[in-house]
Amino acid sequence: MITEKEIEHVSRLMRIDVDDHKEYVAKVHAVIEYFDILDSAGVESEEISMPEVSISGLRKDVHVPFDEKLIEKLNHYKGTYVRAPKMSS
């Protein structure tokens, strides 16, 4: 199980300001429970068919230079970080 201390540690590593770490414990548990549901879906026997494409059928890679700083084109950036919206309940 995820603890408040682990959430605090991860938020610090990701440089995310979290005021109340207890608030996110239940949310993280809900996400993990959802992953458990997905894991138990039993899709191992499903076959994924992919069409074969020869190398000559692929597009040619072309480098397109971008002369501007992409970070400055974002709406909410601070230094070298992008500000994301706060998680809602």
C-alpha atoms as a PDB file:
ATOM      1  CA  MET A   1       0.000   0.000   0.000  1.00  0.00           C
ATOM      2  CA  ILE A   2       1.087   3.553  -0.701  1.00  0.00           C
ATOM      3  CA  THR A   3       1.871   5.706   2.302  1.00  0.00           C
ATOM      4  CA  GLU A   4       1.731   9.439   2.855  1.00  0.00           C
ATOM      5  CA  LYS A   5       5.523   9.445   3.188  1.00  0.00           C
ATOM      6  CA  GLU A   6       5.918   7.832  -0.264  1.00  0.00           C
ATOM      7  CA  ILE A   7       3.618  10.407  -1.847  1.00  0.00           C
ATOM      8  CA  GLU A   8       5.609  13.178  -0.195  1.00  0.00           C
ATOM      9  CA  HIS A   9       8.851  11.655  -1.518  1.00  0.00           C
ATOM     10  CA  VAL A  10       7.528  11.314  -5.087  1.00  0.00           C
ATOM     11  CA  SER A  11       6.059  14.819  -5.097  1.00  0.00           C
ATOM     12  CA  ARG A  12       9.430  16.176  -3.980  1.00  0.00           C
ATOM     13  CA  LEU A  13      11.210  14.222  -6.749  1.00  0.00           C
ATOM     14  CA  MET A  14       8.739  15.575  -9.312  1.00  0.00           C
ATOM     15  CA  ARG A  15       9.051  19.067  -7.846  1.00  0.00           C
ATOM     16  CA  ILE A  16       5.315  19.301  -7.240  1.00  0.00           C
ATOM     17  CA  ASP A  17       4.103  21.405  -4.330  1.00  0.00           C
ATOM     18  CA  VAL A  18       1.584  19.350  -2.351  1.00  0.00           C
ATOM     19  CA  ASP A  19       0.154  20.930   0.769  1.00  0.00           C
ATOM     20  CA  ASP A  20      -1.690  17.929   2.207  1.00  0.00           C
ATOM     21  CA  HIS A  21      -0.153  14.570   1.287  1.00  0.00           C
ATOM     22  CA  LYS A  22      -2.896  12.680   3.158  1.00  0.00           C
ATOM     23  CA  GLU A  23      -5.401  13.953   0.587  1.00  0.00           C
ATOM     24  CA  TYR A  24      -3.681  11.982  -2.185  1.00  0.00           C
ATOM     25  CA  VAL A  25      -3.355   8.624  -0.417  1.00  0.00           C
ATOM     26  CA  ALA A  26      -6.959   7.621  -1.232  1.00  0.00           C
ATOM     27  CA  LYS A  27      -6.605   8.873  -4.801  1.00  0.00           C
ATOM     28  CA  VAL A  28      -3.452   6.836  -5.395  1.00  0.00           C
ATOM     29  CA  HIS A  29      -5.117   3.756  -3.893  1.00  0.00           C
ATOM     30  CA  ALA A  30      -8.072   4.235  -6.268  1.00  0.00           C
ATOM     31  CA  VAL A  31      -5.710   4.398  -9.244  1.00  0.00           C
ATOM     32  CA  ILE A  32      -3.901   1.240  -8.111  1.00  0.00           C
ATOM     33  CA  GLU A  33      -7.225  -0.556  -7.645  1.00  0.00           C
ATOM     34  CA  TYR A  34      -8.187   0.451 -11.181  1.00  0.00           C
ATOM     35  CA  PHE A  35      -4.900  -0.978 -12.503  1.00  0.00           C
ATOM     36  CA  ASP A  36      -5.691  -4.212 -10.638  1.00  0.00           C
ATOM     37  CA  ILE A  37      -9.031  -4.351 -12.473  1.00  0.00           C
ATOM     38  CA  LEU A  38      -7.259  -3.811 -15.793  1.00  0.00           C
ATOM     39  CA  ASP A  39      -4.709  -6.509 -14.929  1.00  0.00           C
ATOM     40  CA  SER A  40      -7.503  -8.998 -14.256  1.00  0.00           C
ATOM     41  CA  ALA A  41      -9.255  -8.293 -17.578  1.00  0.00           C
ATOM     42  CA  GLY A  42      -7.753 -11.448 -19.101  1.00  0.00           C
ATOM     43  CA  VAL A  43      -6.552 -10.111 -22.427  1.00  0.00           C
ATOM     44  CA  GLU A  44      -3.458 -12.340 -22.604  1.00  0.00           C
ATOM     45  CA  SER A  45      -5.164 -14.589 -25.138  1.00  0.00           C
ATOM     46  CA  GLU A  46      -6.123 -11.661 -27.376  1.00  0.00           C
ATOM     47  CA  GLU A  47      -4.145 -11.543 -30.564  1.00  0.00           C
ATOM     48  CA  ILE A  48      -3.035  -8.171 -31.851  1.00  0.00           C
ATOM     49  CA  SER A  49      -2.757  -8.184 -35.599  1.00  0.00           C
ATOM     50  CA  MET A  50      -0.359  -5.770 -37.206  1.00  0.00           C
ATOM     51  CA  PRO A  51      -0.026  -5.422 -40.952  1.00  0.00           C
ATOM     52  CA  GLU A  52       3.457  -6.100 -42.258  1.00  0.00           C
ATOM     53  CA  VAL A  53       5.056  -3.072 -43.881  1.00  0.00           C
ATOM     54  CA  SER A  54       8.292  -3.265 -45.779  1.00  0.00           C
ATOM     55  CA  ILE A  55      11.026  -0.774 -44.976  1.00  0.00           C
ATOM     56  CA  SER A  56      10.641   0.784 -48.411  1.00  0.00           C
ATOM     57  CA  GLY A  57       7.002   1.530 -47.512  1.00  0.00           C
ATOM     58  CA  LEU A  58       7.936   3.712 -44.543  1.00  0.00           C
ATOM     59  CA  ARG A  59       8.229   7.477 -44.791  1.00  0.00           C
ATOM     60  CA  LYS A  60      11.620   9.095 -44.961  1.00  0.00           C
ATOM     61  CA  ASP A  61      12.770  10.823 -41.756  1.00  0.00           C
ATOM     62  CA  VAL A  62      13.431  14.503 -42.287  1.00  0.00           C
ATOM     63  CA  HIS A  63      14.910  16.858 -39.698  1.00  0.00           C
ATOM     64  CA  VAL A  64      12.937  20.095 -39.493  1.00  0.00           C
ATOM     65  CA  PRO A  65      14.814  22.686 -37.391  1.00  0.00           C
ATOM     66  CA  PHE A  66      12.840  24.749 -34.877  1.00  0.00           C
ATOM     67  CA  ASP A  67      14.621  28.036 -34.249  1.00  0.00           C
ATOM     68  CA  GLU A  68      12.510  29.259 -31.324  1.00  0.00           C
ATOM     69  CA  LYS A  69      12.536  28.094 -27.696  1.00  0.00           C
ATOM     70  CA  LEU A  70       9.559  25.770 -27.339  1.00  0.00           C
ATOM     71  CA  ILE A  71       9.293  26.335 -23.569  1.00  0.00           C
ATOM     72  CA  GLU A  72       8.553  30.017 -24.202  1.00  0.00           C
ATOM     73  CA  LYS A  73       5.615  29.078 -26.439  1.00  0.00           C
ATOM     74  CA  LEU A  74       3.814  27.339 -23.562  1.00  0.00           C
ATOM     75  CA  ASN A  75       1.167  29.267 -21.644  1.00  0.00           C
ATOM     76  CA  HIS A  76       2.251  28.479 -18.083  1.00  0.00           C
ATOM     77  CA  TYR A  77       5.983  28.143 -17.720  1.00  0.00           C
ATOM     78  CA  LYS A  78       8.319  29.311 -15.013  1.00  0.00           C
ATOM     79  CA  GLY A  79      12.016  29.146 -15.789  1.00  0.00           C
ATOM     80  CA  THR A  80      12.502  25.621 -17.067  1.00  0.00           C
ATOM     81  CA  TYR A  81       9.316  24.188 -15.516  1.00  0.00           C
ATOM     82  CA  VAL A  82       5.793  24.012 -16.914  1.00  0.00           C
ATOM     83  CA  ARG A  83       2.975  24.675 -14.448  1.00  0.00           C
ATOM     84  CA  ALA A  84       0.161  22.149 -14.660  1.00  0.00           C
ATOM     85  CA  PRO A  85      -3.348  22.555 -13.256  1.00  0.00           C
ATOM     86  CA  LYS A  86      -3.925  21.301  -9.719  1.00  0.00           C
ATOM     87  CA  MET A  87      -5.510  17.897  -9.279  1.00  0.00           C
ATOM     88  CA  SER A  88      -9.173  18.183  -8.389  1.00  0.00           C
ATOM     89  CA  SER A  89     -11.209  15.875  -6.186  1.00  0.00           C
END
